[in-house]
Amino acid sequence: MAVELTDNTKQRRFEVLVDGELAALVTYGRNAQQMALTHTETEPGFEGQGYAKQVVEFALAHAREAGLDVLPFCPYVRDYIAKHPEQLDLVPAEARPKFELAEA
């Protein structure tokens, strides 16, 4: 089984492809300083296999590498960051209350 993580810039989403088939995605909006992660979705038949987690981790790593702040509008992404405080620094301190994220 070949798993590929990609940034589909045309559709503004990060994707997990399994054997070439879309398994999960995170949609985003972006400007020069920030990336808003707006929706996470797992395709039917791929649920419960960790693909949503993989694509969120990929999106956060991409934001970190690009030096972008993250705005986790997607509840799944927000919950992931809440459970992984090492990612909290990606969310600007002034935006954390809006997303109900506090210092660990």
PDB file of N, CA and C in Angstrom:
ATOM      1  N   MET A   1       0.843  -1.172   0.000  1.00  0.00           N
ATOM      2  CA  MET A   1       0.000   0.000   0.000  1.00  0.00           C
ATOM      3  C   MET A   1       0.894   1.241   0.000  1.00  0.00           C
ATOM      4  N   ALA A   2       0.767   2.067  -1.024  1.00  0.00           N
ATOM      5  CA  ALA A   2       1.560   3.294  -1.136  1.00  0.00           C
ATOM      6  C   ALA A   2       0.756   4.466  -0.574  1.00  0.00           C
ATOM      7  N   VAL A   3       1.351   5.154   0.410  1.00  0.00           N
ATOM      8  CA  VAL A   3       0.715   6.325   1.022  1.00  0.00           C
ATOM      9  C   VAL A   3       1.527   7.551   0.636  1.00  0.00           C
ATOM     10  N   GLU A   4       0.839   8.553   0.080  1.00  0.00           N
ATOM     11  CA  GLU A   4       1.488   9.784  -0.352  1.00  0.00           C
ATOM     12  C   GLU A   4       0.789  10.976   0.288  1.00  0.00           C
ATOM     13  N   LEU A   5       1.585  11.895   0.840  1.00  0.00           N
ATOM     14  CA  LEU A   5       1.065  13.139   1.397  1.00  0.00           C
ATOM     15  C   LEU A   5       1.449  14.252   0.436  1.00  0.00           C
ATOM     16  N   THR A   6       0.498  15.129   0.129  1.00  0.00           N
ATOM     17  CA  THR A   6       0.753  16.162  -0.859  1.00  0.00           C
ATOM     18  C   THR A   6       0.008  17.446  -0.534  1.00  0.00           C
ATOM     19  N   ASP A   7       0.520  18.553  -1.050  1.00  0.00           N
ATOM     20  CA  ASP A   7      -0.144  19.851  -0.964  1.00  0.00           C
ATOM     21  C   ASP A   7      -0.741  20.126  -2.331  1.00  0.00           C
ATOM     22  N   ASN A   8      -2.047  19.995  -2.453  1.00  0.00           N
ATOM     23  CA  ASN A   8      -2.757  20.270  -3.694  1.00  0.00           C
ATOM     24  C   ASN A   8      -3.090  21.759  -3.691  1.00  0.00           C
ATOM     25  N   THR A   9      -2.166  22.570  -4.188  1.00  0.00           N
ATOM     26  CA  THR A   9      -2.326  24.024  -4.113  1.00  0.00           C
ATOM     27  C   THR A   9      -3.490  24.524  -4.960  1.00  0.00           C
ATOM     28  N   LYS A  10      -3.813  23.843  -6.036  1.00  0.00           N
ATOM     29  CA  LYS A  10      -4.935  24.283  -6.885  1.00  0.00           C
ATOM     30  C   LYS A  10      -6.263  24.202  -6.136  1.00  0.00           C
ATOM     31  N   GLN A  11      -6.420  23.159  -5.340  1.00  0.00           N
ATOM     32  CA  GLN A  11      -7.665  23.005  -4.582  1.00  0.00           C
ATOM     33  C   GLN A  11      -7.523  23.484  -3.145  1.00  0.00           C
ATOM     34  N   ARG A  12      -6.360  24.020  -2.798  1.00  0.00           N
ATOM     35  CA  ARG A  12      -6.048  24.531  -1.458  1.00  0.00           C
ATOM     36  C   ARG A  12      -6.379  23.500  -0.378  1.00  0.00           C
ATOM     37  N   ARG A  13      -5.733  22.342  -0.532  1.00  0.00           N
ATOM     38  CA  ARG A  13      -5.912  21.302   0.478  1.00  0.00           C
ATOM     39  C   ARG A  13      -4.692  20.391   0.509  1.00  0.00           C
ATOM     40  N   PHE A  14      -4.421  19.901   1.708  1.00  0.00           N
ATOM     41  CA  PHE A  14      -3.419  18.861   1.890  1.00  0.00           C
ATOM     42  C   PHE A  14      -4.153  17.541   1.766  1.00  0.00           C
ATOM     43  N   GLU A  15      -3.500  16.570   1.161  1.00  0.00           N
ATOM     44  CA  GLU A  15      -4.168  15.303   0.891  1.00  0.00           C
ATOM     45  C   GLU A  15      -3.307  14.110   1.309  1.00  0.00           C
ATOM     46  N   VAL A  16      -3.992  13.038   1.684  1.00  0.00           N
ATOM     47  CA  VAL A  16      -3.374  11.725   1.836  1.00  0.00           C
ATOM     48  C   VAL A  16      -3.952  10.874   0.713  1.00  0.00           C
ATOM     49  N   LEU A  17      -3.059  10.343  -0.121  1.00  0.00           N
ATOM     50  CA  LEU A  17      -3.460   9.440  -1.192  1.00  0.00           C
ATOM     51  C   LEU A  17      -2.968   8.038  -0.839  1.00  0.00           C
ATOM     52  N   VAL A  18      -3.850   7.080  -0.927  1.00  0.00           N
ATOM     53  CA  VAL A  18      -3.506   5.679  -0.668  1.00  0.00           C
ATOM     54  C   VAL A  18      -3.678   4.936  -1.983  1.00  0.00           C
ATOM     55  N   ASP A  19      -2.570   4.435  -2.477  1.00  0.00           N
ATOM     56  CA  ASP A  19      -2.573   3.790  -3.797  1.00  0.00           C
ATOM     57  C   ASP A  19      -3.231   4.680  -4.847  1.00  0.00           C
ATOM     58  N   GLY A  20      -2.943   5.984  -4.752  1.00  0.00           N
ATOM     59  CA  GLY A  20      -3.453   6.951  -5.719  1.00  0.00           C
ATOM     60  C   GLY A  20      -4.863   7.442  -5.464  1.00  0.00           C
ATOM     61  N   GLU A  21      -5.527   6.898  -4.445  1.00  0.00           N
ATOM     62  CA  GLU A  21      -6.916   7.278  -4.147  1.00  0.00           C
ATOM     63  C   GLU A  21      -6.950   8.215  -2.941  1.00  0.00           C
ATOM     64  N   LEU A  22      -7.752   9.277  -3.041  1.00  0.00           N
ATOM     65  CA  LEU A  22      -7.878  10.234  -1.945  1.00  0.00           C
ATOM     66  C   LEU A  22      -8.454   9.550  -0.710  1.00  0.00           C
ATOM     67  N   ALA A  23      -7.710   9.630   0.416  1.00  0.00           N
ATOM     68  CA  ALA A  23      -8.151   9.010   1.667  1.00  0.00           C
ATOM     69  C   ALA A  23      -8.596  10.055   2.683  1.00  0.00           C
ATOM     70  N   ALA A  24      -7.872  11.177   2.764  1.00  0.00           N
ATOM     71  CA  ALA A  24      -8.214  12.227   3.734  1.00  0.00           C
ATOM     72  C   ALA A  24      -7.649  13.546   3.231  1.00  0.00           C
ATOM     73  N   LEU A  25      -8.218  14.637   3.755  1.00  0.00           N
ATOM     74  CA  LEU A  25      -7.770  15.953   3.330  1.00  0.00           C
ATOM     75  C   LEU A  25      -7.988  16.974   4.430  1.00  0.00           C
ATOM     76  N   VAL A  26      -7.236  18.073   4.349  1.00  0.00           N
ATOM     77  CA  VAL A  26      -7.428  19.261   5.184  1.00  0.00           C
ATOM     78  C   VAL A  26      -7.442  20.445   4.231  1.00  0.00           C
ATOM     79  N   THR A  27      -8.526  21.214   4.246  1.00  0.00           N
ATOM     80  CA  THR A  27      -8.597  22.407   3.404  1.00  0.00           C
ATOM     81  C   THR A  27      -7.989  23.592   4.138  1.00  0.00           C
ATOM     82  N   TYR A  28      -7.490  24.554   3.360  1.00  0.00           N
ATOM     83  CA  TYR A  28      -6.840  25.707   3.969  1.00  0.00           C
ATOM     84  C   TYR A  28      -7.020  26.970   3.148  1.00  0.00           C
ATOM     85  N   GLY A  29      -6.841  28.081   3.830  1.00  0.00           N
ATOM     86  CA  GLY A  29      -6.680  29.390   3.223  1.00  0.00           C
ATOM     87  C   GLY A  29      -5.330  29.892   3.688  1.00  0.00           C
ATOM     88  N   ARG A  30      -4.708  30.727   2.893  1.00  0.00           N
ATOM     89  CA  ARG A  30      -3.351  31.127   3.243  1.00  0.00           C
ATOM     90  C   ARG A  30      -3.050  32.527   2.741  1.00  0.00           C
ATOM     91  N   ASN A  31      -2.280  33.262   3.556  1.00  0.00           N
ATOM     92  CA  ASN A  31      -1.673  34.494   3.095  1.00  0.00           C
ATOM     93  C   ASN A  31      -0.193  34.419   3.440  1.00  0.00           C
ATOM     94  N   ALA A  32       0.517  35.511   3.353  1.00  0.00           N
ATOM     95  CA  ALA A  32       1.971  35.488   3.552  1.00  0.00           C
ATOM     96  C   ALA A  32       2.378  35.123   4.972  1.00  0.00           C
ATOM     97  N   GLN A  33       1.507  35.382   5.964  1.00  0.00           N
ATOM     98  CA  GLN A  33       1.865  35.142   7.358  1.00  0.00           C
ATOM     99  C   GLN A  33       1.101  34.003   8.024  1.00  0.00           C
ATOM    100  N   GLN A  34      -0.072  33.664   7.496  1.00  0.00           N
ATOM    101  CA  GLN A  34      -0.941  32.730   8.205  1.00  0.00           C
ATOM    102  C   GLN A  34      -1.522  31.666   7.287  1.00  0.00           C
ATOM    103  N   MET A  35      -1.827  30.526   7.903  1.00  0.00           N
ATOM    104  CA  MET A  35      -2.563  29.469   7.226  1.00  0.00           C
ATOM    105  C   MET A  35      -3.767  29.122   8.099  1.00  0.00           C
ATOM    106  N   ALA A  36      -4.956  29.276   7.538  1.00  0.00           N
ATOM    107  CA  ALA A  36      -6.186  28.904   8.230  1.00  0.00           C
ATOM    108  C   ALA A  36      -6.552  27.493   7.792  1.00  0.00           C
ATOM    109  N   LEU A  37      -6.592  26.568   8.747  1.00  0.00           N
ATOM    110  CA  LEU A  37      -6.995  25.191   8.462  1.00  0.00           C
ATOM    111  C   LEU A  37      -8.488  25.100   8.763  1.00  0.00           C
ATOM    112  N   THR A  38      -9.281  24.852   7.725  1.00  0.00           N
ATOM    113  CA  THR A  38     -10.725  25.058   7.829  1.00  0.00           C
ATOM    114  C   THR A  38     -11.573  23.790   7.912  1.00  0.00           C
ATOM    115  N   HIS A  39     -11.066  22.680   7.393  1.00  0.00           N
ATOM    116  CA  HIS A  39     -11.912  21.476   7.372  1.00  0.00           C
ATOM    117  C   HIS A  39     -11.039  20.237   7.190  1.00  0.00           C
ATOM    118  N   THR A  40     -11.317  19.210   7.960  1.00  0.00           N
ATOM    119  CA  THR A  40     -10.653  17.912   7.804  1.00  0.00           C
ATOM    120  C   THR A  40     -11.716  16.884   7.460  1.00  0.00           C
ATOM    121  N   GLU A  41     -11.390  16.035   6.501  1.00  0.00           N
ATOM    122  CA  GLU A  41     -12.362  15.038   6.054  1.00  0.00           C
ATOM    123  C   GLU A  41     -11.652  13.733   5.717  1.00  0.00           C
ATOM    124  N   THR A  42     -12.259  12.626   6.106  1.00  0.00           N
ATOM    125  CA  THR A  42     -11.781  11.302   5.728  1.00  0.00           C
ATOM    126  C   THR A  42     -12.814  10.710   4.779  1.00  0.00           C
ATOM    127  N   GLU A  43     -12.342  10.203   3.680  1.00  0.00           N
ATOM    128  CA  GLU A  43     -13.236   9.642   2.666  1.00  0.00           C
ATOM    129  C   GLU A  43     -13.816   8.303   3.135  1.00  0.00           C
ATOM    130  N   PRO A  44     -15.041   7.975   2.685  1.00  0.00           N
ATOM    131  CA  PRO A  44     -15.652   6.689   3.042  1.00  0.00           C
ATOM    132  C   PRO A  44     -14.729   5.523   2.692  1.00  0.00           C
ATOM    133  N   GLY A  45     -14.639   4.595   3.617  1.00  0.00           N
ATOM    134  CA  GLY A  45     -13.801   3.428   3.424  1.00  0.00           C
ATOM    135  C   GLY A  45     -12.404   3.585   4.009  1.00  0.00           C
ATOM    136  N   PHE A  46     -12.046   4.823   4.388  1.00  0.00           N
ATOM    137  CA  PHE A  46     -10.719   5.078   4.957  1.00  0.00           C
ATOM    138  C   PHE A  46     -10.789   5.509   6.424  1.00  0.00           C
ATOM    139  N   GLU A  47     -11.977   5.528   6.995  1.00  0.00           N
ATOM    140  CA  GLU A  47     -12.150   5.956   8.381  1.00  0.00           C
ATOM    141  C   GLU A  47     -11.420   5.017   9.328  1.00  0.00           C
ATOM    142  N   GLY A  48     -10.980   5.578  10.456  1.00  0.00           N
ATOM    143  CA  GLY A  48     -10.403   4.777  11.520  1.00  0.00           C
ATOM    144  C   GLY A  48      -9.017   4.220  11.246  1.00  0.00           C
ATOM    145  N   GLN A  49      -8.343   4.719  10.227  1.00  0.00           N
ATOM    146  CA  GLN A  49      -7.019   4.205   9.875  1.00  0.00           C
ATOM    147  C   GLN A  49      -5.909   5.234  10.113  1.00  0.00           C
ATOM    148  N   GLY A  50      -6.256   6.366  10.710  1.00  0.00           N
ATOM    149  CA  GLY A  50      -5.258   7.365  11.065  1.00  0.00           C
ATOM    150  C   GLY A  50      -4.890   8.341   9.963  1.00  0.00           C
ATOM    151  N   TYR A  51      -5.621   8.342   8.873  1.00  0.00           N
ATOM    152  CA  TYR A  51      -5.260   9.228   7.763  1.00  0.00           C
ATOM    153  C   TYR A  51      -5.542  10.699   8.060  1.00  0.00           C
ATOM    154  N   ALA A  52      -6.605  10.980   8.808  1.00  0.00           N
ATOM    155  CA  ALA A  52      -6.875  12.372   9.185  1.00  0.00           C
ATOM    156  C   ALA A  52      -5.725  12.908  10.041  1.00  0.00           C
ATOM    157  N   LYS A  53      -5.277  12.124  10.983  1.00  0.00           N
ATOM    158  CA  LYS A  53      -4.152  12.530  11.830  1.00  0.00           C
ATOM    159  C   LYS A  53      -2.909  12.777  10.981  1.00  0.00           C
ATOM    160  N   GLN A  54      -2.639  11.889  10.054  1.00  0.00           N
ATOM    161  CA  GLN A  54      -1.460  12.038   9.194  1.00  0.00           C
ATOM    162  C   GLN A  54      -1.516  13.333   8.386  1.00  0.00           C
ATOM    163  N   VAL A  55      -2.679  13.639   7.818  1.00  0.00           N
ATOM    164  CA  VAL A  55      -2.765  14.833   6.976  1.00  0.00           C
ATOM    165  C   VAL A  55      -2.696  16.105   7.818  1.00  0.00           C
ATOM    166  N   VAL A  56      -3.230  16.074   9.036  1.00  0.00           N
ATOM    167  CA  VAL A  56      -3.113  17.236   9.929  1.00  0.00           C
ATOM    168  C   VAL A  56      -1.652  17.432  10.330  1.00  0.00           C
ATOM    169  N   GLU A  57      -0.968  16.362  10.681  1.00  0.00           N
ATOM    170  CA  GLU A  57       0.453  16.480  11.025  1.00  0.00           C
ATOM    171  C   GLU A  57       1.256  17.027   9.848  1.00  0.00           C
ATOM    172  N   PHE A  58       0.929  16.595   8.648  1.00  0.00           N
ATOM    173  CA  PHE A  58       1.600  17.076   7.444  1.00  0.00           C
ATOM    174  C   PHE A  58       1.334  18.568   7.245  1.00  0.00           C
ATOM    175  N   ALA A  59       0.082  18.987   7.430  1.00  0.00           N
ATOM    176  CA  ALA A  59      -0.272  20.402   7.280  1.00  0.00           C
ATOM    177  C   ALA A  59       0.464  21.260   8.308  1.00  0.00           C
ATOM    178  N   LEU A  60       0.515  20.814   9.554  1.00  0.00           N
ATOM    179  CA  LEU A  60       1.201  21.570  10.598  1.00  0.00           C
ATOM    180  C   LEU A  60       2.706  21.633  10.339  1.00  0.00           C
ATOM    181  N   ALA A  61       3.281  20.542   9.875  1.00  0.00           N
ATOM    182  CA  ALA A  61       4.712  20.545   9.541  1.00  0.00           C
ATOM    183  C   ALA A  61       4.991  21.503   8.388  1.00  0.00           C
ATOM    184  N   HIS A  62       4.098  21.526   7.411  1.00  0.00           N
ATOM    185  CA  HIS A  62       4.242  22.446   6.281  1.00  0.00           C
ATOM    186  C   HIS A  62       4.201  23.897   6.770  1.00  0.00           C
ATOM    187  N   ALA A  63       3.250  24.199   7.639  1.00  0.00           N
ATOM    188  CA  ALA A  63       3.138  25.562   8.184  1.00  0.00           C
ATOM    189  C   ALA A  63       4.399  25.935   8.959  1.00  0.00           C
ATOM    190  N   ARG A  64       4.882  25.019   9.769  1.00  0.00           N
ATOM    191  CA  ARG A  64       6.095  25.280  10.561  1.00  0.00           C
ATOM    192  C   ARG A  64       7.286  25.546   9.638  1.00  0.00           C
ATOM    193  N   GLU A  65       7.457  24.709   8.639  1.00  0.00           N
ATOM    194  CA  GLU A  65       8.580  24.858   7.711  1.00  0.00           C
ATOM    195  C   GLU A  65       8.507  26.186   6.947  1.00  0.00           C
ATOM    196  N   ALA A  66       7.292  26.610   6.623  1.00  0.00           N
ATOM    197  CA  ALA A  66       7.098  27.863   5.879  1.00  0.00           C
ATOM    198  C   ALA A  66       7.086  29.090   6.795  1.00  0.00           C
ATOM    199  N   GLY A  67       7.140  28.872   8.108  1.00  0.00           N
ATOM    200  CA  GLY A  67       7.124  29.988   9.055  1.00  0.00           C
ATOM    201  C   GLY A  67       5.767  30.668   9.166  1.00  0.00           C
ATOM    202  N   LEU A  68       4.698  29.900   8.968  1.00  0.00           N
ATOM    203  CA  LEU A  68       3.344  30.453   9.003  1.00  0.00           C
ATOM    204  C   LEU A  68       2.676  30.210  10.352  1.00  0.00           C
ATOM    205  N   ASP A  69       1.892  31.189  10.789  1.00  0.00           N
ATOM    206  CA  ASP A  69       1.016  30.997  11.933  1.00  0.00           C
ATOM    207  C   ASP A  69      -0.163  30.140  11.475  1.00  0.00           C
ATOM    208  N   VAL A  70      -0.718  29.367  12.392  1.00  0.00           N
ATOM    209  CA  VAL A  70      -1.856  28.501  12.084  1.00  0.00           C
ATOM    210  C   VAL A  70      -3.091  29.002  12.823  1.00  0.00           C
ATOM    211  N   LEU A  71      -4.190  29.076  12.099  1.00  0.00           N
ATOM    212  CA  LEU A  71      -5.494  29.393  12.680  1.00  0.00           C
ATOM    213  C   LEU A  71      -6.359  28.143  12.518  1.00  0.00           C
ATOM    214  N   PRO A  72      -6.576  27.385  13.607  1.00  0.00           N
ATOM    215  CA  PRO A  72      -7.272  26.098  13.516  1.00  0.00           C
ATOM    216  C   PRO A  72      -8.794  26.234  13.601  1.00  0.00           C
ATOM    217  N   PHE A  73      -9.404  26.705  12.519  1.00  0.00           N
ATOM    218  CA  PHE A  73     -10.866  26.827  12.490  1.00  0.00           C
ATOM    219  C   PHE A  73     -11.543  25.463  12.484  1.00  0.00           C
ATOM    220  N   CYS A  74     -10.890  24.459  11.945  1.00  0.00           N
ATOM    221  CA  CYS A  74     -11.428  23.100  11.928  1.00  0.00           C
ATOM    222  C   CYS A  74     -11.365  22.517  13.343  1.00  0.00           C
ATOM    223  N   PRO A  75     -12.482  22.025  13.871  1.00  0.00           N
ATOM    224  CA  PRO A  75     -12.475  21.446  15.215  1.00  0.00           C
ATOM    225  C   PRO A  75     -11.507  20.274  15.371  1.00  0.00           C
ATOM    226  N   TYR A  76     -11.345  19.473  14.346  1.00  0.00           N
ATOM    227  CA  TYR A  76     -10.411  18.341  14.433  1.00  0.00           C
ATOM    228  C   TYR A  76      -8.981  18.850  14.615  1.00  0.00           C
ATOM    229  N   VAL A  77      -8.601  19.861  13.849  1.00  0.00           N
ATOM    230  CA  VAL A  77      -7.251  20.428  13.958  1.00  0.00           C
ATOM    231  C   VAL A  77      -7.072  21.078  15.325  1.00  0.00           C
ATOM    232  N   ARG A  78      -8.085  21.814  15.779  1.00  0.00           N
ATOM    233  CA  ARG A  78      -8.015  22.458  17.089  1.00  0.00           C
ATOM    234  C   ARG A  78      -7.822  21.415  18.181  1.00  0.00           C
ATOM    235  N   ASP A  79      -8.584  20.335  18.119  1.00  0.00           N
ATOM    236  CA  ASP A  79      -8.462  19.269  19.117  1.00  0.00           C
ATOM    237  C   ASP A  79      -7.095  18.596  19.044  1.00  0.00           C
ATOM    238  N   TYR A  80      -6.583  18.426  17.827  1.00  0.00           N
ATOM    239  CA  TYR A  80      -5.258  17.832  17.677  1.00  0.00           C
ATOM    240  C   TYR A  80      -4.206  18.711  18.364  1.00  0.00           C
ATOM    241  N   ILE A  81      -4.259  20.003  18.131  1.00  0.00           N
ATOM    242  CA  ILE A  81      -3.297  20.927  18.749  1.00  0.00           C
ATOM    243  C   ILE A  81      -3.455  20.918  20.271  1.00  0.00           C
ATOM    244  N   ALA A  82      -4.686  20.873  20.753  1.00  0.00           N
ATOM    245  CA  ALA A  82      -4.924  20.833  22.202  1.00  0.00           C
ATOM    246  C   ALA A  82      -4.294  19.585  22.833  1.00  0.00           C
ATOM    247  N   LYS A  83      -4.299  18.477  22.106  1.00  0.00           N
ATOM    248  CA  LYS A  83      -3.735  17.220  22.621  1.00  0.00           C
ATOM    249  C   LYS A  83      -2.227  17.116  22.387  1.00  0.00           C
ATOM    250  N   HIS A  84      -1.677  17.996  21.568  1.00  0.00           N
ATOM    251  CA  HIS A  84      -0.251  17.984  21.239  1.00  0.00           C
ATOM    252  C   HIS A  84       0.319  19.378  21.484  1.00  0.00           C
ATOM    253  N   PRO A  85       0.558  19.716  22.765  1.00  0.00           N
ATOM    254  CA  PRO A  85       0.977  21.079  23.105  1.00  0.00           C
ATOM    255  C   PRO A  85       2.282  21.521  22.446  1.00  0.00           C
ATOM    256  N   GLU A  86       3.062  20.577  21.930  1.00  0.00           N
ATOM    257  CA  GLU A  86       4.278  20.969  21.211  1.00  0.00           C
ATOM    258  C   GLU A  86       3.947  21.701  19.901  1.00  0.00           C
ATOM    259  N   GLN A  87       2.684  21.646  19.482  1.00  0.00           N
ATOM    260  CA  GLN A  87       2.239  22.350  18.274  1.00  0.00           C
ATOM    261  C   GLN A  87       1.593  23.704  18.586  1.00  0.00           C
ATOM    262  N   LEU A  88       1.365  23.974  19.854  1.00  0.00           N
ATOM    263  CA  LEU A  88       0.649  25.186  20.253  1.00  0.00           C
ATOM    264  C   LEU A  88       1.334  26.465  19.788  1.00  0.00           C
ATOM    265  N   ASP A  89       2.659  26.454  19.712  1.00  0.00           N
ATOM    266  CA  ASP A  89       3.380  27.657  19.306  1.00  0.00           C
ATOM    267  C   ASP A  89       3.044  28.096  17.885  1.00  0.00           C
ATOM    268  N   LEU A  90       2.453  27.215  17.080  1.00  0.00           N
ATOM    269  CA  LEU A  90       2.041  27.591  15.733  1.00  0.00           C
ATOM    270  C   LEU A  90       0.863  28.558  15.736  1.00  0.00           C
ATOM    271  N   VAL A  91       0.055  28.499  16.790  1.00  0.00           N
ATOM    272  CA  VAL A  91      -1.116  29.385  16.904  1.00  0.00           C
ATOM    273  C   VAL A  91      -0.677  30.654  17.614  1.00  0.00           C
ATOM    274  N   PRO A  92      -0.884  31.824  16.996  1.00  0.00           N
ATOM    275  CA  PRO A  92      -0.471  33.069  17.652  1.00  0.00           C
ATOM    276  C   PRO A  92      -1.105  33.193  19.038  1.00  0.00           C
ATOM    277  N   ALA A  93      -0.322  33.665  19.997  1.00  0.00           N
ATOM    278  CA  ALA A  93      -0.796  33.770  21.383  1.00  0.00           C
ATOM    279  C   ALA A  93      -2.097  34.552  21.474  1.00  0.00           C
ATOM    280  N   GLU A  94      -2.219  35.613  20.709  1.00  0.00           N
ATOM    281  CA  GLU A  94      -3.432  36.436  20.787  1.00  0.00           C
ATOM    282  C   GLU A  94      -4.657  35.741  20.193  1.00  0.00           C
ATOM    283  N   ALA A  95      -4.454  34.708  19.385  1.00  0.00           N
ATOM    284  CA  ALA A  95      -5.570  33.979  18.778  1.00  0.00           C
ATOM    285  C   ALA A  95      -5.989  32.761  19.596  1.00  0.00           C
ATOM    286  N   ARG A  96      -5.162  32.339  20.524  1.00  0.00           N
ATOM    287  CA  ARG A  96      -5.452  31.103  21.272  1.00  0.00           C
ATOM    288  C   ARG A  96      -6.776  31.144  22.030  1.00  0.00           C
ATOM    289  N   PRO A  97      -7.144  32.248  22.699  1.00  0.00           N
ATOM    290  CA  PRO A  97      -8.440  32.261  23.390  1.00  0.00           C
ATOM    291  C   PRO A  97      -9.619  32.031  22.432  1.00  0.00           C
ATOM    292  N   LYS A  98      -9.541  32.573  21.230  1.00  0.00           N
ATOM    293  CA  LYS A  98     -10.622  32.391  20.251  1.00  0.00           C
ATOM    294  C   LYS A  98     -10.839  30.913  19.943  1.00  0.00           C
ATOM    295  N   PHE A  99      -9.760  30.150  19.937  1.00  0.00           N
ATOM    296  CA  PHE A  99      -9.816  28.725  19.618  1.00  0.00           C
ATOM    297  C   PHE A  99      -9.840  27.848  20.885  1.00  0.00           C
ATOM    298  N   GLU A 100      -9.994  28.494  22.025  1.00  0.00           N
ATOM    299  CA  GLU A 100     -10.035  27.803  23.317  1.00  0.00           C
ATOM    300  C   GLU A 100      -8.788  26.951  23.526  1.00  0.00           C
ATOM    301  N   LEU A 101      -7.662  27.522  23.168  1.00  0.00           N
ATOM    302  CA  LEU A 101      -6.375  26.866  23.371  1.00  0.00           C
ATOM    303  C   LEU A 101      -5.596  27.656  24.403  1.00  0.00           C
ATOM    304  N   ALA A 102      -5.092  26.968  25.397  1.00  0.00           N
ATOM    305  CA  ALA A 102      -4.342  27.612  26.458  1.00  0.00           C
ATOM    306  C   ALA A 102      -2.959  26.999  26.520  1.00  0.00           C
ATOM    307  N   GLU A 103      -2.080  27.695  27.195  1.00  0.00           N
ATOM    308  CA  GLU A 103      -0.728  27.161  27.400  1.00  0.00           C
ATOM    309  C   GLU A 103      -0.815  25.845  28.156  1.00  0.00           C
ATOM    310  N   ALA A 104       0.056  24.932  27.810  1.00  0.00           N
ATOM    311  CA  ALA A 104       0.073  23.625  28.485  1.00  0.00           C
ATOM    312  C   ALA A 104       0.662  23.756  29.864  1.00  0.00           C
TER     313      ALA A 104
END
